[in-house]
C-alpha cells in the first residue's frame, strides 16, 4: 500500500516528521490507506510556499487567471494543457506562450 503525500510548494512531499496514520474502513476495520501525519513544520512549509506564490499570482493578468481556471475546470493535468498550447503556438510561428 502506498502512502498519500502532501502537496506543498508545487510538489508532493512526505510529512516533515515522517509520520503517517492509518485510514481505517469502519465497516471492516481494514486499513485502506496511509496518510501523512502533518504537524506544525508542515503548516509552516505550506504557509511559506503560499506566501512565496502570492506575488506571482497577484501579478498574473486576468487572461492568465482565466486560462488557469479553464484548465482546472477541464480536469486535465496542467502539464498536458501547457504542452498542447506550446504545440499550437509553434504551429502559429510563436516561440513561447508566456
PDB file of N, CA and C in Angstrom:
ATOM      1  N   UNK A   1       0.848  -1.184   0.000  1.00  0.00           N
ATOM      2  CA  UNK A   1       0.000   0.000   0.000  1.00  0.00           C
ATOM      3  C   UNK A   1       0.888   1.240   0.000  1.00  0.00           C
ATOM      4  N   UNK A   2       0.599   2.140  -0.922  1.00  0.00           N
ATOM      5  CA  UNK A   2       1.333   3.402  -0.987  1.00  0.00           C
ATOM      6  C   UNK A   2       0.701   4.410  -0.051  1.00  0.00           C
ATOM      7  N   UNK A   3       1.542   5.204   0.584  1.00  0.00           N
ATOM      8  CA  UNK A   3       1.036   6.252   1.458  1.00  0.00           C
ATOM      9  C   UNK A   3       0.751   7.499   0.624  1.00  0.00           C
ATOM     10  N   UNK A   4      -0.301   8.207   0.989  1.00  0.00           N
ATOM     11  CA  UNK A   4      -0.559   9.503   0.374  1.00  0.00           C
ATOM     12  C   UNK A   4       0.560  10.452   0.775  1.00  0.00           C
ATOM     13  N   UNK A   5       0.713  11.517   0.000  1.00  0.00           N
ATOM     14  CA  UNK A   5       1.686  12.555   0.314  1.00  0.00           C
ATOM     15  C   UNK A   5       0.974  13.897   0.328  1.00  0.00           C
ATOM     16  N   UNK A   6       1.640  14.894   0.880  1.00  0.00           N
ATOM     17  CA  UNK A   6       1.091  16.243   0.959  1.00  0.00           C
ATOM     18  C   UNK A   6       1.606  17.057  -0.221  1.00  0.00           C
ATOM     19  N   UNK A   7       0.759  17.943  -0.750  1.00  0.00           N
ATOM     20  CA  UNK A   7       1.173  18.814  -1.848  1.00  0.00           C
ATOM     21  C   UNK A   7       1.531  20.166  -1.254  1.00  0.00           C
ATOM     22  N   UNK A   8       2.826  20.456  -1.229  1.00  0.00           N
ATOM     23  CA  UNK A   8       3.316  21.706  -0.649  1.00  0.00           C
ATOM     24  C   UNK A   8       4.373  22.296  -1.575  1.00  0.00           C
ATOM     25  N   UNK A   9       4.239  23.551  -1.899  1.00  0.00           N
ATOM     26  CA  UNK A   9       5.253  24.249  -2.677  1.00  0.00           C
ATOM     27  C   UNK A   9       5.457  23.699  -4.075  1.00  0.00           C
ATOM     28  N   UNK A  10       4.400  23.189  -4.675  1.00  0.00           N
ATOM     29  CA  UNK A  10       4.495  22.700  -6.046  1.00  0.00           C
ATOM     30  C   UNK A  10       4.942  21.257  -6.176  1.00  0.00           C
ATOM     31  N   UNK A  11       4.988  20.534  -5.078  1.00  0.00           N
ATOM     32  CA  UNK A  11       5.407  19.133  -5.169  1.00  0.00           C
ATOM     33  C   UNK A  11       4.807  18.280  -4.067  1.00  0.00           C
ATOM     34  N   UNK A  12       4.811  16.982  -4.317  1.00  0.00           N
ATOM     35  CA  UNK A  12       4.294  16.021  -3.336  1.00  0.00           C
ATOM     36  C   UNK A  12       5.410  15.660  -2.371  1.00  0.00           C
ATOM     37  N   UNK A  13       5.147  15.830  -1.074  1.00  0.00           N
ATOM     38  CA  UNK A  13       6.157  15.595  -0.042  1.00  0.00           C
ATOM     39  C   UNK A  13       5.571  14.769   1.090  1.00  0.00           C
ATOM     40  N   UNK A  14       6.461  14.051   1.780  1.00  0.00           N
ATOM     41  CA  UNK A  14       6.054  13.341   2.990  1.00  0.00           C
ATOM     42  C   UNK A  14       5.916  14.350   4.126  1.00  0.00           C
ATOM     43  N   UNK A  15       5.285  13.943   5.192  1.00  0.00           N
ATOM     44  CA  UNK A  15       5.212  14.794   6.377  1.00  0.00           C
ATOM     45  C   UNK A  15       6.637  15.068   6.862  1.00  0.00           C
ATOM     46  N   UNK A  16       6.871  16.279   7.331  1.00  0.00           N
ATOM     47  CA  UNK A  16       8.214  16.666   7.760  1.00  0.00           C
ATOM     48  C   UNK A  16       8.762  15.711   8.820  1.00  0.00           C
ATOM     49  N   UNK A  17       7.892  15.255   9.707  1.00  0.00           N
ATOM     50  CA  UNK A  17       8.315  14.331  10.751  1.00  0.00           C
ATOM     51  C   UNK A  17       8.353  12.881  10.285  1.00  0.00           C
ATOM     52  N   UNK A  18       7.909  12.648   9.048  1.00  0.00           N
ATOM     53  CA  UNK A  18       7.929  11.295   8.500  1.00  0.00           C
ATOM     54  C   UNK A  18       6.782  10.406   8.930  1.00  0.00           C
ATOM     55  N   UNK A  19       5.912  10.902   9.789  1.00  0.00           N
ATOM     56  CA  UNK A  19       4.841  10.069  10.316  1.00  0.00           C
ATOM     57  C   UNK A  19       3.653   9.915   9.377  1.00  0.00           C
ATOM     58  N   UNK A  20       2.948   8.811   9.546  1.00  0.00           N
ATOM     59  CA  UNK A  20       1.698   8.576   8.830  1.00  0.00           C
ATOM     60  C   UNK A  20       0.685   8.031   9.821  1.00  0.00           C
ATOM     61  N   UNK A  21      -0.566   8.092   9.435  1.00  0.00           N
ATOM     62  CA  UNK A  21      -1.598   7.420  10.228  1.00  0.00           C
ATOM     63  C   UNK A  21      -2.457   6.603   9.297  1.00  0.00           C
ATOM     64  N   UNK A  22      -3.055   5.582   9.864  1.00  0.00           N
ATOM     65  CA  UNK A  22      -3.848   4.652   9.077  1.00  0.00           C
ATOM     66  C   UNK A  22      -5.275   5.145   8.923  1.00  0.00           C
ATOM     67  N   UNK A  23      -5.766   5.068   7.698  1.00  0.00           N
ATOM     68  CA  UNK A  23      -7.165   5.357   7.400  1.00  0.00           C
ATOM     69  C   UNK A  23      -7.888   4.009   7.417  1.00  0.00           C
ATOM     70  N   UNK A  24      -8.844   3.878   8.329  1.00  0.00           N
ATOM     71  CA  UNK A  24      -9.480   2.586   8.574  1.00  0.00           C
ATOM     72  C   UNK A  24     -10.920   2.595   8.060  1.00  0.00           C
ATOM     73  N   UNK A  25     -11.274   1.527   7.342  1.00  0.00           N
ATOM     74  CA  UNK A  25     -12.653   1.319   6.899  1.00  0.00           C
ATOM     75  C   UNK A  25     -13.458   0.904   8.126  1.00  0.00           C
ATOM     76  N   UNK A  26     -14.427   1.724   8.548  1.00  0.00           N
ATOM     77  CA  UNK A  26     -15.168   1.410   9.772  1.00  0.00           C
ATOM     78  C   UNK A  26     -16.005   0.132   9.657  1.00  0.00           C
ATOM     79  N   UNK A  27     -16.376  -0.253   8.453  1.00  0.00           N
ATOM     80  CA  UNK A  27     -17.197  -1.460   8.285  1.00  0.00           C
ATOM     81  C   UNK A  27     -16.385  -2.736   8.472  1.00  0.00           C
ATOM     82  N   UNK A  28     -15.128  -2.700   8.012  1.00  0.00           N
ATOM     83  CA  UNK A  28     -14.313  -3.914   8.063  1.00  0.00           C
ATOM     84  C   UNK A  28     -13.144  -3.808   9.031  1.00  0.00           C
ATOM     85  N   UNK A  29     -12.848  -2.587   9.467  1.00  0.00           N
ATOM     86  CA  UNK A  29     -11.700  -2.279  10.309  1.00  0.00           C
ATOM     87  C   UNK A  29     -10.375  -2.573   9.611  1.00  0.00           C
ATOM     88  N   UNK A  30     -10.418  -2.675   8.270  1.00  0.00           N
ATOM     89  CA  UNK A  30      -9.199  -2.844   7.483  1.00  0.00           C
ATOM     90  C   UNK A  30      -8.562  -1.480   7.249  1.00  0.00           C
ATOM     91  N   UNK A  31      -7.241  -1.452   7.246  1.00  0.00           N
ATOM     92  CA  UNK A  31      -6.514  -0.237   6.878  1.00  0.00           C
ATOM     93  C   UNK A  31      -6.605  -0.130   5.361  1.00  0.00           C
ATOM     94  N   UNK A  32      -7.182   0.960   4.883  1.00  0.00           N
ATOM     95  CA  UNK A  32      -7.359   1.107   3.440  1.00  0.00           C
ATOM     96  C   UNK A  32      -6.357   2.073   2.816  1.00  0.00           C
ATOM     97  N   UNK A  33      -5.684   2.863   3.632  1.00  0.00           N
ATOM     98  CA  UNK A  33      -4.684   3.798   3.116  1.00  0.00           C
ATOM     99  C   UNK A  33      -3.908   4.371   4.275  1.00  0.00           C
ATOM    100  N   UNK A  34      -2.712   4.860   3.975  1.00  0.00           N
ATOM    101  CA  UNK A  34      -1.947   5.614   4.956  1.00  0.00           C
ATOM    102  C   UNK A  34      -1.873   7.051   4.471  1.00  0.00           C
ATOM    103  N   UNK A  35      -2.004   7.973   5.392  1.00  0.00           N
ATOM    104  CA  UNK A  35      -1.960   9.397   5.050  1.00  0.00           C
ATOM    105  C   UNK A  35      -0.895  10.083   5.914  1.00  0.00           C
ATOM    106  N   UNK A  36      -0.327  11.191   5.422  1.00  0.00           N
ATOM    107  CA  UNK A  36       0.718  11.878   6.182  1.00  0.00           C
ATOM    108  C   UNK A  36       0.183  12.411   7.515  1.00  0.00           C
ATOM    109  N   UNK A  37       0.993  12.302   8.521  1.00  0.00           N
ATOM    110  CA  UNK A  37       0.670  12.878   9.815  1.00  0.00           C
ATOM    111  C   UNK A  37       1.432  14.200   9.905  1.00  0.00           C
ATOM    112  N   UNK A  38       0.826  15.219   9.293  1.00  0.00           N
ATOM    113  CA  UNK A  38       1.461  16.532   9.249  1.00  0.00           C
ATOM    114  C   UNK A  38       1.392  17.240  10.587  1.00  0.00           C
ATOM    115  N   UNK A  39       2.352  18.078  10.807  1.00  0.00           N
ATOM    116  CA  UNK A  39       2.391  18.834  12.045  1.00  0.00           C
ATOM    117  C   UNK A  39       2.710  20.299  11.783  1.00  0.00           C
ATOM    118  N   UNK A  40       3.170  20.971  12.808  1.00  0.00           N
ATOM    119  CA  UNK A  40       3.452  22.403  12.729  1.00  0.00           C
ATOM    120  C   UNK A  40       4.495  22.719  11.665  1.00  0.00           C
ATOM    121  N   UNK A  41       5.494  21.860  11.509  1.00  0.00           N
ATOM    122  CA  UNK A  41       6.527  22.110  10.490  1.00  0.00           C
ATOM    123  C   UNK A  41       5.914  22.085   9.093  1.00  0.00           C
ATOM    124  N   UNK A  42       4.966  21.164   8.862  1.00  0.00           N
ATOM    125  CA  UNK A  42       4.308  21.082   7.557  1.00  0.00           C
ATOM    126  C   UNK A  42       3.456  22.319   7.296  1.00  0.00           C
ATOM    127  N   UNK A  43       2.779  22.786   8.327  1.00  0.00           N
ATOM    128  CA  UNK A  43       1.977  24.003   8.188  1.00  0.00           C
ATOM    129  C   UNK A  43       2.891  25.182   7.852  1.00  0.00           C
ATOM    130  N   UNK A  44       4.021  25.270   8.523  1.00  0.00           N
ATOM    131  CA  UNK A  44       4.973  26.338   8.244  1.00  0.00           C
ATOM    132  C   UNK A  44       5.471  26.301   6.804  1.00  0.00           C
ATOM    133  N   UNK A  45       5.785  25.100   6.299  1.00  0.00           N
ATOM    134  CA  UNK A  45       6.229  24.965   4.911  1.00  0.00           C
ATOM    135  C   UNK A  45       5.131  25.383   3.943  1.00  0.00           C
ATOM    136  N   UNK A  46       3.890  24.992   4.232  1.00  0.00           N
ATOM    137  CA  UNK A  46       2.773  25.333   3.356  1.00  0.00           C
ATOM    138  C   UNK A  46       2.512  26.841   3.356  1.00  0.00           C
ATOM    139  N   UNK A  47       2.567  27.453   4.502  1.00  0.00           N
ATOM    140  CA  UNK A  47       2.351  28.905   4.601  1.00  0.00           C
ATOM    141  C   UNK A  47       3.462  29.649   3.866  1.00  0.00           C
ATOM    142  N   UNK A  48       4.708  29.211   4.039  1.00  0.00           N
ATOM    143  CA  UNK A  48       5.829  29.850   3.345  1.00  0.00           C
ATOM    144  C   UNK A  48       5.682  29.712   1.829  1.00  0.00           C
ATOM    145  N   UNK A  49       5.264  28.535   1.362  1.00  0.00           N
ATOM    146  CA  UNK A  49       5.079  28.318  -0.078  1.00  0.00           C
ATOM    147  C   UNK A  49       3.960  29.198  -0.620  1.00  0.00           C
ATOM    148  N   UNK A  50       2.883  29.320   0.140  1.00  0.00           N
ATOM    149  CA  UNK A  50       1.771  30.166  -0.303  1.00  0.00           C
ATOM    150  C   UNK A  50       2.194  31.634  -0.354  1.00  0.00           C
ATOM    151  N   UNK A  51       2.942  32.075   0.635  1.00  0.00           N
ATOM    152  CA  UNK A  51       3.411  33.464   0.651  1.00  0.00           C
ATOM    153  C   UNK A  51       4.334  33.734  -0.533  1.00  0.00           C
ATOM    154  N   UNK A  52       5.188  32.770  -0.863  1.00  0.00           N
ATOM    155  CA  UNK A  52       6.102  32.935  -1.995  1.00  0.00           C
ATOM    156  C   UNK A  52       5.343  33.007  -3.316  1.00  0.00           C
ATOM    157  N   UNK A  53       4.248  32.279  -3.421  1.00  0.00           N
ATOM    158  CA  UNK A  53       3.469  32.259  -4.665  1.00  0.00           C
ATOM    159  C   UNK A  53       2.562  33.479  -4.814  1.00  0.00           C
ATOM    160  N   UNK A  54       2.299  34.182  -3.713  1.00  0.00           N
ATOM    161  CA  UNK A  54       1.343  35.283  -3.736  1.00  0.00           C
ATOM    162  C   UNK A  54       1.745  36.401  -4.701  1.00  0.00           C
ATOM    163  N   UNK A  55       3.014  36.794  -4.693  1.00  0.00           N
ATOM    164  CA  UNK A  55       3.450  37.881  -5.578  1.00  0.00           C
ATOM    165  C   UNK A  55       3.244  37.519  -7.044  1.00  0.00           C
ATOM    166  N   UNK A  56       3.585  36.279  -7.407  1.00  0.00           N
ATOM    167  CA  UNK A  56       3.411  35.845  -8.788  1.00  0.00           C
ATOM    168  C   UNK A  56       1.931  35.813  -9.163  1.00  0.00           C
ATOM    169  N   UNK A  57       1.097  35.317  -8.266  1.00  0.00           N
ATOM    170  CA  UNK A  57      -0.337  35.255  -8.533  1.00  0.00           C
ATOM    171  C   UNK A  57      -0.918  36.668  -8.645  1.00  0.00           C
ATOM    172  N   UNK A  58      -0.506  37.565  -7.769  1.00  0.00           N
ATOM    173  CA  UNK A  58      -1.022  38.933  -7.785  1.00  0.00           C
ATOM    174  C   UNK A  58      -0.637  39.649  -9.084  1.00  0.00           C
ATOM    175  N   UNK A  59       0.494  39.275  -9.664  1.00  0.00           N
ATOM    176  CA  UNK A  59       0.955  39.911 -10.893  1.00  0.00           C
ATOM    177  C   UNK A  59       0.327  39.287 -12.142  1.00  0.00           C
ATOM    178  N   UNK A  60      -0.376  38.175 -11.981  1.00  0.00           N
ATOM    179  CA  UNK A  60      -0.971  37.497 -13.140  1.00  0.00           C
ATOM    180  C   UNK A  60      -2.083  38.356 -13.743  1.00  0.00           C
ATOM    181  N   UNK A  61      -2.109  38.406 -15.048  1.00  0.00           N
ATOM    182  CA  UNK A  61      -3.149  39.169 -15.739  1.00  0.00           C
ATOM    183  C   UNK A  61      -4.481  38.432 -15.641  1.00  0.00           C
ATOM    184  N   UNK A  62      -5.580  39.135 -15.846  1.00  0.00           N
ATOM    185  CA  UNK A  62      -6.887  38.467 -15.849  1.00  0.00           C
ATOM    186  C   UNK A  62      -6.952  37.334 -16.873  1.00  0.00           C
ATOM    187  N   UNK A  63      -6.256  37.495 -18.002  1.00  0.00           N
ATOM    188  CA  UNK A  63      -6.261  36.458 -19.036  1.00  0.00           C
ATOM    189  C   UNK A  63      -5.583  35.184 -18.542  1.00  0.00           C
ATOM    190  N   UNK A  64      -4.464  35.343 -17.837  1.00  0.00           N
ATOM    191  CA  UNK A  64      -3.757  34.176 -17.301  1.00  0.00           C
ATOM    192  C   UNK A  64      -4.623  33.488 -16.243  1.00  0.00           C
ATOM    193  N   UNK A  65      -5.238  34.277 -15.380  1.00  0.00           N
ATOM    194  CA  UNK A  65      -6.108  33.685 -14.354  1.00  0.00           C
ATOM    195  C   UNK A  65      -7.282  32.949 -14.989  1.00  0.00           C
ATOM    196  N   UNK A  66      -7.854  33.520 -16.060  1.00  0.00           N
ATOM    197  CA  UNK A  66      -8.965  32.874 -16.741  1.00  0.00           C
ATOM    198  C   UNK A  66      -8.506  31.545 -17.357  1.00  0.00           C
ATOM    199  N   UNK A  67      -7.318  31.559 -17.965  1.00  0.00           N
ATOM    200  CA  UNK A  67      -6.788  30.344 -18.563  1.00  0.00           C
ATOM    201  C   UNK A  67      -6.583  29.265 -17.508  1.00  0.00           C
ATOM    202  N   UNK A  68      -6.005  29.629 -16.377  1.00  0.00           N
ATOM    203  CA  UNK A  68      -5.791  28.656 -15.308  1.00  0.00           C
ATOM    204  C   UNK A  68      -7.111  28.099 -14.774  1.00  0.00           C
ATOM    205  N   UNK A  69      -8.117  28.952 -14.676  1.00  0.00           N
ATOM    206  CA  UNK A  69      -9.425  28.481 -14.213  1.00  0.00           C
ATOM    207  C   UNK A  69     -10.016  27.483 -15.208  1.00  0.00           C
ATOM    208  N   UNK A  70      -9.895  27.788 -16.499  1.00  0.00           N
ATOM    209  CA  UNK A  70     -10.417  26.883 -17.524  1.00  0.00           C
ATOM    210  C   UNK A  70      -9.681  25.545 -17.507  1.00  0.00           C
ATOM    211  N   UNK A  71      -8.362  25.585 -17.277  1.00  0.00           N
ATOM    212  CA  UNK A  71      -7.592  24.339 -17.183  1.00  0.00           C
ATOM    213  C   UNK A  71      -8.093  23.516 -15.993  1.00  0.00           C
ATOM    214  N   UNK A  72      -8.293  24.185 -14.871  1.00  0.00           N
ATOM    215  CA  UNK A  72      -8.787  23.488 -13.674  1.00  0.00           C
ATOM    216  C   UNK A  72     -10.144  22.857 -13.948  1.00  0.00           C
ATOM    217  N   UNK A  73     -11.022  23.596 -14.574  1.00  0.00           N
ATOM    218  CA  UNK A  73     -12.373  23.097 -14.853  1.00  0.00           C
ATOM    219  C   UNK A  73     -12.363  21.946 -15.851  1.00  0.00           C
ATOM    220  N   UNK A  74     -11.324  21.873 -16.702  1.00  0.00           N
ATOM    221  CA  UNK A  74     -11.260  20.807 -17.699  1.00  0.00           C
ATOM    222  C   UNK A  74     -10.950  19.454 -17.064  1.00  0.00           C
ATOM    223  N   UNK A  75     -10.336  19.476 -15.893  1.00  0.00           N
ATOM    224  CA  UNK A  75      -9.982  18.228 -15.228  1.00  0.00           C
ATOM    225  C   UNK A  75      -8.716  17.590 -15.783  1.00  0.00           C
ATOM    226  N   UNK A  76      -8.097  18.225 -16.762  1.00  0.00           N
ATOM    227  CA  UNK A  76      -6.874  17.694 -17.366  1.00  0.00           C
ATOM    228  C   UNK A  76      -5.656  18.196 -16.598  1.00  0.00           C
ATOM    229  N   UNK A  77      -4.575  17.422 -16.584  1.00  0.00           N
ATOM    230  CA  UNK A  77      -3.349  17.891 -15.932  1.00  0.00           C
ATOM    231  C   UNK A  77      -2.827  19.163 -16.607  1.00  0.00           C
ATOM    232  N   UNK A  78      -2.394  20.104 -15.803  1.00  0.00           N
ATOM    233  CA  UNK A  78      -1.887  21.377 -16.324  1.00  0.00           C
ATOM    234  C   UNK A  78      -0.748  21.136 -17.306  1.00  0.00           C
ATOM    235  N   UNK A  79       0.127  20.179 -16.997  1.00  0.00           N
ATOM    236  CA  UNK A  79       1.269  19.919 -17.888  1.00  0.00           C
ATOM    237  C   UNK A  79       0.798  19.498 -19.276  1.00  0.00           C
ATOM    238  N   UNK A  80      -0.270  18.707 -19.361  1.00  0.00           N
ATOM    239  CA  UNK A  80      -0.800  18.287 -20.671  1.00  0.00           C
ATOM    240  C   UNK A  80      -1.340  19.481 -21.449  1.00  0.00           C
ATOM    241  N   UNK A  81      -2.059  20.343 -20.760  1.00  0.00           N
ATOM    242  CA  UNK A  81      -2.638  21.512 -21.425  1.00  0.00           C
ATOM    243  C   UNK A  81      -1.536  22.447 -21.906  1.00  0.00           C
ATOM    244  N   UNK A  82      -0.497  22.647 -21.087  1.00  0.00           N
ATOM    245  CA  UNK A  82       0.590  23.531 -21.485  1.00  0.00           C
ATOM    246  C   UNK A  82       1.345  22.977 -22.693  1.00  0.00           C
ATOM    247  N   UNK A  83       1.538  21.666 -22.731  1.00  0.00           N
ATOM    248  CA  UNK A  83       2.192  21.050 -23.900  1.00  0.00           C
ATOM    249  C   UNK A  83       1.351  21.259 -25.153  1.00  0.00           C
ATOM    250  N   UNK A  84       0.051  21.118 -25.011  1.00  0.00           N
ATOM    251  CA  UNK A  84      -0.850  21.323 -26.148  1.00  0.00           C
ATOM    252  C   UNK A  84      -0.798  22.776 -26.629  1.00  0.00           C
ATOM    253  N   UNK A  85      -0.791  23.712 -25.694  1.00  0.00           N
ATOM    254  CA  UNK A  85      -0.688  25.131 -26.059  1.00  0.00           C
ATOM    255  C   UNK A  85       0.637  25.420 -26.745  1.00  0.00           C
ATOM    256  N   UNK A  86       1.702  24.835 -26.220  1.00  0.00           N
ATOM    257  CA  UNK A  86       3.027  25.035 -26.805  1.00  0.00           C
ATOM    258  C   UNK A  86       3.053  24.560 -28.258  1.00  0.00           C
ATOM    259  N   UNK A  87       2.500  23.381 -28.523  1.00  0.00           N
ATOM    260  CA  UNK A  87       2.453  22.854 -29.888  1.00  0.00           C
ATOM    261  C   UNK A  87       1.616  23.762 -30.799  1.00  0.00           C
ATOM    262  N   UNK A  88       0.479  24.213 -30.298  1.00  0.00           N
ATOM    263  CA  UNK A  88      -0.399  25.067 -31.104  1.00  0.00           C
ATOM    264  C   UNK A  88       0.292  26.383 -31.437  1.00  0.00           C
ATOM    265  N   UNK A  89       0.972  26.979 -30.476  1.00  0.00           N
ATOM    266  CA  UNK A  89       1.654  28.248 -30.719  1.00  0.00           C
ATOM    267  C   UNK A  89       2.844  28.079 -31.654  1.00  0.00           C
ATOM    268  N   UNK A  90       3.513  26.935 -31.568  1.00  0.00           N
ATOM    269  CA  UNK A  90       4.614  26.678 -32.506  1.00  0.00           C
ATOM    270  C   UNK A  90       4.086  26.603 -33.930  1.00  0.00           C
ATOM    271  N   UNK A  91       2.922  26.002 -34.096  1.00  0.00           N
ATOM    272  CA  UNK A  91       2.322  25.933 -35.429  1.00  0.00           C
ATOM    273  C   UNK A  91       1.974  27.320 -35.948  1.00  0.00           C
ATOM    274  N   UNK A  92       1.694  28.242 -35.039  1.00  0.00           N
ATOM    275  CA  UNK A  92       1.376  29.608 -35.421  1.00  0.00           C
ATOM    276  C   UNK A  92       2.632  30.462 -35.604  1.00  0.00           C
ATOM    277  N   UNK A  93       3.799  29.865 -35.370  1.00  0.00           N
ATOM    278  CA  UNK A  93       5.046  30.596 -35.563  1.00  0.00           C
ATOM    279  C   UNK A  93       5.533  31.341 -34.342  1.00  0.00           C
ATOM    280  N   UNK A  94       4.933  31.079 -33.194  1.00  0.00           N
ATOM    281  CA  UNK A  94       5.374  31.710 -31.949  1.00  0.00           C
ATOM    282  C   UNK A  94       6.427  30.811 -31.310  1.00  0.00           C
ATOM    283  N   UNK A  95       7.378  31.422 -30.629  1.00  0.00           N
ATOM    284  CA  UNK A  95       8.420  30.624 -29.963  1.00  0.00           C
ATOM    285  C   UNK A  95       8.048  30.276 -28.534  1.00  0.00           C
ATOM    286  N   UNK A  96       7.343  31.138 -27.852  1.00  0.00           N
ATOM    287  CA  UNK A  96       6.974  30.921 -26.461  1.00  0.00           C
ATOM    288  C   UNK A  96       5.540  31.327 -26.247  1.00  0.00           C
ATOM    289  N   UNK A  97       4.894  30.723 -25.261  1.00  0.00           N
ATOM    290  CA  UNK A  97       3.497  31.070 -24.966  1.00  0.00           C
ATOM    291  C   UNK A  97       3.408  32.082 -23.831  1.00  0.00           C
ATOM    292  N   UNK A  98       4.494  32.321 -23.104  1.00  0.00           N
ATOM    293  CA  UNK A  98       4.456  33.263 -21.969  1.00  0.00           C
ATOM    294  C   UNK A  98       4.781  34.657 -22.417  1.00  0.00           C
TER     295      UNK A  98
END
